[in-house]
Amino acid sequence: EGGVRNISNQLSITTKIDREHPELKEYAKSKGWWDG
């Protein structure tokens, strides 16, 4: 949306998600990576 943004060899998108895989959250939940 503005400012500067960079990427490197790691994930950097935290909670500001504008588009996502349709099963992104459910898969994380099923693996125990997110409590929902």
All heavy atoms as atom14 arrays in JSON, in Angstrom:
{
  "sequence": "EGGVRNISNQLSITTKIDREHPELKEYAKSKGWWDG",
  "atom14_mask": [
    [1, 1, 1, 1, 1, 1, 1, 1, 1, 0, 0, 0, 0, 0],
    [1, 1, 1, 1, 0, 0, 0, 0, 0, 0, 0, 0, 0, 0],
    [1, 1, 1, 1, 0, 0, 0, 0, 0, 0, 0, 0, 0, 0],
    [1, 1, 1, 1, 1, 1, 1, 0, 0, 0, 0, 0, 0, 0],
    [1, 1, 1, 1, 1, 1, 1, 1, 1, 1, 1, 0, 0, 0],
    [1, 1, 1, 1, 1, 1, 1, 1, 0, 0, 0, 0, 0, 0],
    [1, 1, 1, 1, 1, 1, 1, 1, 0, 0, 0, 0, 0, 0],
    [1, 1, 1, 1, 1, 1, 0, 0, 0, 0, 0, 0, 0, 0],
    [1, 1, 1, 1, 1, 1, 1, 1, 0, 0, 0, 0, 0, 0],
    [1, 1, 1, 1, 1, 1, 1, 1, 1, 0, 0, 0, 0, 0],
    [1, 1, 1, 1, 1, 1, 1, 1, 0, 0, 0, 0, 0, 0],
    [1, 1, 1, 1, 1, 1, 0, 0, 0, 0, 0, 0, 0, 0],
    [1, 1, 1, 1, 1, 1, 1, 1, 0, 0, 0, 0, 0, 0],
    [1, 1, 1, 1, 1, 1, 1, 0, 0, 0, 0, 0, 0, 0],
    [1, 1, 1, 1, 1, 1, 1, 0, 0, 0, 0, 0, 0, 0],
    [1, 1, 1, 1, 1, 1, 1, 1, 1, 0, 0, 0, 0, 0],
    [1, 1, 1, 1, 1, 1, 1, 1, 0, 0, 0, 0, 0, 0],
    [1, 1, 1, 1, 1, 1, 1, 1, 0, 0, 0, 0, 0, 0],
    [1, 1, 1, 1, 1, 1, 1, 1, 1, 1, 1, 0, 0, 0],
    [1, 1, 1, 1, 1, 1, 1, 1, 1, 0, 0, 0, 0, 0],
    [1, 1, 1, 1, 1, 1, 1, 1, 1, 1, 0, 0, 0, 0],
    [1, 1, 1, 1, 1, 1, 1, 0, 0, 0, 0, 0, 0, 0],
    [1, 1, 1, 1, 1, 1, 1, 1, 1, 0, 0, 0, 0, 0],
    [1, 1, 1, 1, 1, 1, 1, 1, 0, 0, 0, 0, 0, 0],
    [1, 1, 1, 1, 1, 1, 1, 1, 1, 0, 0, 0, 0, 0],
    [1, 1, 1, 1, 1, 1, 1, 1, 1, 0, 0, 0, 0, 0],
    [1, 1, 1, 1, 1, 1, 1, 1, 1, 1, 1, 1, 0, 0],
    [1, 1, 1, 1, 1, 0, 0, 0, 0, 0, 0, 0, 0, 0],
    [1, 1, 1, 1, 1, 1, 1, 1, 1, 0, 0, 0, 0, 0],
    [1, 1, 1, 1, 1, 1, 0, 0, 0, 0, 0, 0, 0, 0],
    [1, 1, 1, 1, 1, 1, 1, 1, 1, 0, 0, 0, 0, 0],
    [1, 1, 1, 1, 0, 0, 0, 0, 0, 0, 0, 0, 0, 0],
    [1, 1, 1, 1, 1, 1, 1, 1, 1, 1, 1, 1, 1, 1],
    [1, 1, 1, 1, 1, 1, 1, 1, 1, 1, 1, 1, 1, 1],
    [1, 1, 1, 1, 1, 1, 1, 1, 0, 0, 0, 0, 0, 0],
    [1, 1, 1, 1, 0, 0, 0, 0, 0, 0, 0, 0, 0, 0]
  ],
  "atom14_positions": [
    [[0.81, -1.23, 0.0], [0.0, 0.0, 0.0], [0.84, 1.27, 0.0], [0.32, 2.35, -0.21], [-0.94, 0.01, 1.21], [-1.86, -1.2, 1.29], [-2.94, -1.23, 0.21], [-3.19, -0.21, -0.46], [-3.54, -2.3, 0.03], [0.0, 0.0, 0.0], [0.0, 0.0, 0.0], [0.0, 0.0, 0.0], [0.0, 0.0, 0.0], [0.0, 0.0, 0.0]],
    [[2.12, 1.17, 0.27], [2.98, 2.34, 0.29], [4.26, 2.04, 1.03], [4.46, 0.94, 1.54], [0.0, 0.0, 0.0], [0.0, 0.0, 0.0], [0.0, 0.0, 0.0], [0.0, 0.0, 0.0], [0.0, 0.0, 0.0], [0.0, 0.0, 0.0], [0.0, 0.0, 0.0], [0.0, 0.0, 0.0], [0.0, 0.0, 0.0], [0.0, 0.0, 0.0]],
    [[5.15, 3.01, 1.08], [6.41, 2.83, 1.77], [7.35, 1.93, 1.0], [7.37, 1.92, -0.22], [0.0, 0.0, 0.0], [0.0, 0.0, 0.0], [0.0, 0.0, 0.0], [0.0, 0.0, 0.0], [0.0, 0.0, 0.0], [0.0, 0.0, 0.0], [0.0, 0.0, 0.0], [0.0, 0.0, 0.0], [0.0, 0.0, 0.0], [0.0, 0.0, 0.0]],
    [[8.14, 1.16, 1.73], [9.08, 0.23, 1.12], [8.75, -1.19, 1.58], [8.17, -1.39, 2.63], [10.55, 0.57, 1.48], [10.95, 1.92, 0.92], [10.78, 0.54, 2.98], [0.0, 0.0, 0.0], [0.0, 0.0, 0.0], [0.0, 0.0, 0.0], [0.0, 0.0, 0.0], [0.0, 0.0, 0.0], [0.0, 0.0, 0.0], [0.0, 0.0, 0.0]],
    [[9.12, -2.16, 0.78], [8.85, -3.57, 1.1], [9.96, -4.4, 0.5], [10.39, -4.15, -0.62], [7.49, -3.95, 0.52], [6.98, -5.31, 0.95], [6.67, -5.34, 2.46], [5.91, -6.52, 2.79], [6.43, -7.72, 2.96], [7.73, -7.92, 2.8], [5.66, -8.75, 3.27], [0.0, 0.0, 0.0], [0.0, 0.0, 0.0], [0.0, 0.0, 0.0]],
    [[10.44, -5.37, 1.23], [11.47, -6.26, 0.71], [11.14, -7.71, 1.07], [10.27, -7.96, 1.89], [12.86, -5.87, 1.23], [13.01, -6.04, 2.73], [12.13, -5.7, 3.5], [14.15, -6.54, 3.15], [0.0, 0.0, 0.0], [0.0, 0.0, 0.0], [0.0, 0.0, 0.0], [0.0, 0.0, 0.0], [0.0, 0.0, 0.0], [0.0, 0.0, 0.0]],
    [[11.82, -8.61, 0.4], [11.71, -10.03, 0.69], [13.13, -10.58, 0.8], [14.08, -9.97, 0.33], [10.92, -10.81, -0.38], [11.55, -10.66, -1.77], [9.46, -10.38, -0.39], [10.91, -11.51, -2.86], [0.0, 0.0, 0.0], [0.0, 0.0, 0.0], [0.0, 0.0, 0.0], [0.0, 0.0, 0.0], [0.0, 0.0, 0.0], [0.0, 0.0, 0.0]],
    [[13.25, -11.72, 1.44], [14.53, -12.42, 1.49], [14.2, -13.89, 1.61], [13.08, -14.29, 1.29], [15.36, -11.91, 2.67], [16.68, -12.43, 2.57], [0.0, 0.0, 0.0], [0.0, 0.0, 0.0], [0.0, 0.0, 0.0], [0.0, 0.0, 0.0], [0.0, 0.0, 0.0], [0.0, 0.0, 0.0], [0.0, 0.0, 0.0], [0.0, 0.0, 0.0]],
    [[15.13, -14.68, 2.09], [14.92, -16.12, 2.16], [14.18, -16.51, 3.43], [14.64, -17.33, 4.22], [16.26, -16.84, 2.09], [16.98, -16.52, 0.81], [17.64, -15.5, 0.73], [16.83, -17.35, -0.19], [0.0, 0.0, 0.0], [0.0, 0.0, 0.0], [0.0, 0.0, 0.0], [0.0, 0.0, 0.0], [0.0, 0.0, 0.0], [0.0, 0.0, 0.0]],
    [[13.03, -15.91, 3.64], [12.18, -16.22, 4.78], [10.79, -15.66, 4.48], [10.62, -14.85, 3.58], [12.72, -15.56, 6.03], [12.61, -14.05, 5.99], [13.06, -13.39, 7.27], [14.16, -13.67, 7.73], [12.23, -12.56, 7.84], [0.0, 0.0, 0.0], [0.0, 0.0, 0.0], [0.0, 0.0, 0.0], [0.0, 0.0, 0.0], [0.0, 0.0, 0.0]],
    [[9.83, -16.1, 5.24], [8.48, -15.54, 5.11], [8.42, -14.21, 5.85], [9.04, -14.05, 6.89], [7.44, -16.51, 5.66], [7.36, -17.86, 4.95], [6.35, -18.76, 5.64], [7.05, -17.7, 3.48], [0.0, 0.0, 0.0], [0.0, 0.0, 0.0], [0.0, 0.0, 0.0], [0.0, 0.0, 0.0], [0.0, 0.0, 0.0], [0.0, 0.0, 0.0]],
    [[7.65, -13.27, 5.31], [7.54, -11.95, 5.94], [6.11, -11.43, 6.0], [5.86, -10.41, 6.63], [8.43, -10.94, 5.21], [8.0, -10.78, 3.87], [0.0, 0.0, 0.0], [0.0, 0.0, 0.0], [0.0, 0.0, 0.0], [0.0, 0.0, 0.0], [0.0, 0.0, 0.0], [0.0, 0.0, 0.0], [0.0, 0.0, 0.0], [0.0, 0.0, 0.0]],
    [[5.17, -12.12, 5.36], [3.77, -11.71, 5.44], [3.24, -12.23, 6.77], [3.28, -13.43, 7.04], [2.95, -12.26, 4.27], [3.43, -11.65, 2.95], [1.46, -12.0, 4.48], [2.78, -12.25, 1.71], [0.0, 0.0, 0.0], [0.0, 0.0, 0.0], [0.0, 0.0, 0.0], [0.0, 0.0, 0.0], [0.0, 0.0, 0.0], [0.0, 0.0, 0.0]],
    [[2.73, -11.33, 7.59], [2.24, -11.74, 8.91], [0.71, -11.78, 8.88], [0.13, -12.75, 8.41], [2.78, -10.83, 10.01], [2.43, -9.47, 9.73], [4.29, -10.95, 10.13], [0.0, 0.0, 0.0], [0.0, 0.0, 0.0], [0.0, 0.0, 0.0], [0.0, 0.0, 0.0], [0.0, 0.0, 0.0], [0.0, 0.0, 0.0], [0.0, 0.0, 0.0]],
    [[0.04, -10.73, 9.36], [-1.42, -10.74, 9.47], [-2.11, -9.96, 8.36], [-3.31, -10.08, 8.18], [-1.86, -10.19, 10.83], [-1.35, -8.86, 10.98], [-1.35, -11.08, 11.96], [0.0, 0.0, 0.0], [0.0, 0.0, 0.0], [0.0, 0.0, 0.0], [0.0, 0.0, 0.0], [0.0, 0.0, 0.0], [0.0, 0.0, 0.0], [0.0, 0.0, 0.0]],
    [[-1.35, -9.13, 7.62], [-1.96, -8.39, 6.5], [-1.92, -9.28, 5.26], [-0.94, -9.31, 4.52], [-1.23, -7.07, 6.23], [-1.91, -6.25, 5.14], [-1.09, -5.02, 4.78], [-1.74, -4.18, 3.71], [-2.08, -4.85, 2.48], [0.0, 0.0, 0.0], [0.0, 0.0, 0.0], [0.0, 0.0, 0.0], [0.0, 0.0, 0.0], [0.0, 0.0, 0.0]],
    [[-2.99, -10.03, 5.07], [-3.09, -10.96, 3.94], [-4.26, -10.49, 3.08], [-5.4, -10.46, 3.54], [-3.31, -12.4, 4.43], [-2.14, -12.83, 5.32], [-3.48, -13.35, 3.24], [-2.35, -14.16, 6.02], [0.0, 0.0, 0.0], [0.0, 0.0, 0.0], [0.0, 0.0, 0.0], [0.0, 0.0, 0.0], [0.0, 0.0, 0.0], [0.0, 0.0, 0.0]],
    [[-3.96, -10.13, 1.84], [-5.0, -9.61, 0.95], [-5.57, -10.68, 0.03], [-6.7, -10.55, -0.44], [-4.45, -8.43, 0.15], [-4.08, -7.28, 1.07], [-4.97, -6.75, 1.75], [-2.88, -6.92, 1.13], [0.0, 0.0, 0.0], [0.0, 0.0, 0.0], [0.0, 0.0, 0.0], [0.0, 0.0, 0.0], [0.0, 0.0, 0.0], [0.0, 0.0, 0.0]],
    [[-4.79, -11.71, -0.25], [-5.26, -12.87, -0.99], [-4.55, -14.08, -0.41], [-3.43, -13.96, 0.06], [-4.96, -12.75, -2.5], [-5.83, -11.73, -3.21], [-5.63, -11.7, -4.72], [-5.82, -13.01, -5.31], [-5.52, -13.29, -6.59], [-5.04, -12.36, -7.39], [-5.71, -14.5, -7.07], [0.0, 0.0, 0.0], [0.0, 0.0, 0.0], [0.0, 0.0, 0.0]],
    [[-5.21, -15.24, -0.46], [-4.6, -16.44, 0.12], [-5.13, -17.7, -0.54], [-6.19, -17.69, -1.16], [-4.87, -16.49, 1.62], [-6.34, -16.68, 1.95], [-6.66, -16.47, 3.42], [-6.37, -15.39, 3.95], [-7.23, -17.41, 4.01], [0.0, 0.0, 0.0], [0.0, 0.0, 0.0], [0.0, 0.0, 0.0], [0.0, 0.0, 0.0], [0.0, 0.0, 0.0]],
    [[-4.37, -18.76, -0.4], [-4.83, -20.07, -0.84], [-6.13, -20.37, -0.08], [-6.21, -20.13, 1.13], [-3.77, -21.12, -0.52], [-4.1, -22.48, -1.03], [-4.99, -23.32, -0.4], [-3.68, -23.14, -2.13], [-5.11, -24.44, -1.06], [-4.31, -24.37, -2.13], [0.0, 0.0, 0.0], [0.0, 0.0, 0.0], [0.0, 0.0, 0.0], [0.0, 0.0, 0.0]],
    [[-7.15, -20.89, -0.75], [-8.44, -21.11, -0.08], [-8.39, -22.04, 1.14], [-9.25, -21.96, 2.0], [-9.33, -21.69, -1.18], [-8.46, -22.0, -2.33], [-7.17, -21.27, -2.15], [0.0, 0.0, 0.0], [0.0, 0.0, 0.0], [0.0, 0.0, 0.0], [0.0, 0.0, 0.0], [0.0, 0.0, 0.0], [0.0, 0.0, 0.0], [0.0, 0.0, 0.0]],
    [[-7.38, -22.91, 1.22], [-7.28, -23.83, 2.35], [-6.12, -23.48, 3.28], [-5.75, -24.29, 4.14], [-7.11, -25.26, 1.82], [-8.28, -25.72, 0.97], [-7.96, -26.96, 0.15], [-6.9, -27.59, 0.38], [-8.75, -27.29, -0.74], [0.0, 0.0, 0.0], [0.0, 0.0, 0.0], [0.0, 0.0, 0.0], [0.0, 0.0, 0.0], [0.0, 0.0, 0.0]],
    [[-5.55, -22.29, 3.14], [-4.36, -21.88, 3.9], [-4.55, -22.04, 5.4], [-3.74, -22.68, 6.08], [-4.02, -20.42, 3.57], [-2.81, -19.83, 4.29], [-1.54, -20.36, 3.67], [-2.85, -18.31, 4.21], [0.0, 0.0, 0.0], [0.0, 0.0, 0.0], [0.0, 0.0, 0.0], [0.0, 0.0, 0.0], [0.0, 0.0, 0.0], [0.0, 0.0, 0.0]],
    [[-5.62, -21.48, 5.93], [-5.84, -21.48, 7.38], [-6.25, -22.86, 7.88], [-5.79, -23.31, 8.93], [-6.88, -20.42, 7.75], [-6.36, -19.01, 7.51], [-7.42, -17.98, 7.76], [-6.88, -16.6, 7.38], [-7.94, -15.6, 7.32], [0.0, 0.0, 0.0], [0.0, 0.0, 0.0], [0.0, 0.0, 0.0], [0.0, 0.0, 0.0], [0.0, 0.0, 0.0]],
    [[-7.1, -23.54, 7.14], [-7.55, -24.87, 7.56], [-6.38, -25.86, 7.6], [-6.3, -26.7, 8.49], [-8.67, -25.39, 6.65], [-10.02, -24.79, 6.98], [-10.42, -24.95, 8.45], [-10.34, -26.08, 8.99], [-10.79, -23.94, 9.07], [0.0, 0.0, 0.0], [0.0, 0.0, 0.0], [0.0, 0.0, 0.0], [0.0, 0.0, 0.0], [0.0, 0.0, 0.0]],
    [[-5.48, -25.75, 6.62], [-4.32, -26.65, 6.61], [-3.43, -26.39, 7.82], [-3.0, -27.31, 8.5], [-3.53, -26.49, 5.31], [-2.39, -27.45, 5.18], [-2.61, -28.81, 4.94], [-1.07, -27.03, 5.31], [-1.56, -29.71, 4.83], [-0.01, -27.91, 5.21], [-0.26, -29.25, 4.97], [0.79, -30.14, 4.86], [0.0, 0.0, 0.0], [0.0, 0.0, 0.0]],
    [[-3.18, -25.1, 8.11], [-2.37, -24.75, 9.29], [-3.03, -25.26, 10.57], [-2.35, -25.78, 11.46], [-2.16, -23.24, 9.35], [0.0, 0.0, 0.0], [0.0, 0.0, 0.0], [0.0, 0.0, 0.0], [0.0, 0.0, 0.0], [0.0, 0.0, 0.0], [0.0, 0.0, 0.0], [0.0, 0.0, 0.0], [0.0, 0.0, 0.0], [0.0, 0.0, 0.0]],
    [[-4.33, -25.14, 10.63], [-5.07, -25.62, 11.81], [-4.97, -27.14, 11.94], [-4.74, -27.67, 13.03], [-6.53, -25.17, 11.67], [-7.3, -25.21, 12.95], [-8.66, -24.56, 12.71], [-9.59, -24.77, 13.86], [-10.92, -24.23, 13.61], [0.0, 0.0, 0.0], [0.0, 0.0, 0.0], [0.0, 0.0, 0.0], [0.0, 0.0, 0.0], [0.0, 0.0, 0.0]],
    [[-5.11, -27.84, 10.81], [-5.05, -29.31, 10.83], [-3.68, -29.83, 11.25], [-3.56, -30.92, 11.78], [-5.43, -29.89, 9.46], [-4.38, -29.72, 8.53], [0.0, 0.0, 0.0], [0.0, 0.0, 0.0], [0.0, 0.0, 0.0], [0.0, 0.0, 0.0], [0.0, 0.0, 0.0], [0.0, 0.0, 0.0], [0.0, 0.0, 0.0], [0.0, 0.0, 0.0]],
    [[-2.63, -29.05, 11.0], [-1.27, -29.44, 11.38], [-0.89, -29.0, 12.78], [0.19, -29.31, 13.26], [-0.26, -28.85, 10.37], [-0.36, -29.45, 9.0], [0.1, -30.88, 9.04], [0.28, -31.47, 7.67], [0.71, -32.86, 7.71], [0.0, 0.0, 0.0], [0.0, 0.0, 0.0], [0.0, 0.0, 0.0], [0.0, 0.0, 0.0], [0.0, 0.0, 0.0]],
    [[-1.77, -28.21, 13.42], [-1.48, -27.72, 14.76], [-0.6, -26.49, 14.8], [-0.07, -26.12, 15.84], [0.0, 0.0, 0.0], [0.0, 0.0, 0.0], [0.0, 0.0, 0.0], [0.0, 0.0, 0.0], [0.0, 0.0, 0.0], [0.0, 0.0, 0.0], [0.0, 0.0, 0.0], [0.0, 0.0, 0.0], [0.0, 0.0, 0.0], [0.0, 0.0, 0.0]],
    [[-0.47, -25.83, 13.67], [0.38, -24.63, 13.59], [-0.38, -23.37, 14.0], [0.21, -22.34, 14.23], [0.92, -24.45, 12.18], [1.69, -25.62, 11.65], [2.39, -26.55, 12.36], [1.84, -25.97, 10.28], [2.96, -27.46, 11.53], [2.65, -27.13, 10.23], [1.4, -25.43, 9.08], [3.01, -27.74, 9.05], [1.76, -26.03, 7.9], [2.55, -27.19, 7.89]],
    [[-1.69, -23.45, 14.03], [-2.55, -22.31, 14.37], [-3.76, -22.87, 15.1], [-4.34, -23.88, 14.68], [-2.95, -21.58, 13.09], [-3.9, -20.45, 13.26], [-3.73, -19.33, 14.04], [-5.16, -20.28, 12.62], [-4.81, -18.49, 13.92], [-5.71, -19.05, 13.05], [-5.91, -21.06, 11.73], [-6.95, -18.59, 12.63], [-7.13, -20.59, 11.3], [-7.64, -19.37, 11.75]],
    [[-4.15, -22.22, 16.18], [-5.26, -22.74, 16.99], [-6.64, -22.34, 16.48], [-7.65, -22.81, 16.99], [-5.09, -22.33, 18.45], [-5.17, -20.82, 18.68], [-5.53, -20.07, 17.75], [-4.86, -20.39, 19.81], [0.0, 0.0, 0.0], [0.0, 0.0, 0.0], [0.0, 0.0, 0.0], [0.0, 0.0, 0.0], [0.0, 0.0, 0.0], [0.0, 0.0, 0.0]],
    [[-6.72, -21.47, 15.49], [-8.01, -21.05, 14.95], [-8.68, -19.97, 15.77], [-9.73, -19.47, 15.39], [0.0, 0.0, 0.0], [0.0, 0.0, 0.0], [0.0, 0.0, 0.0], [0.0, 0.0, 0.0], [0.0, 0.0, 0.0], [0.0, 0.0, 0.0], [0.0, 0.0, 0.0], [0.0, 0.0, 0.0], [0.0, 0.0, 0.0], [0.0, 0.0, 0.0]]
  ]
}
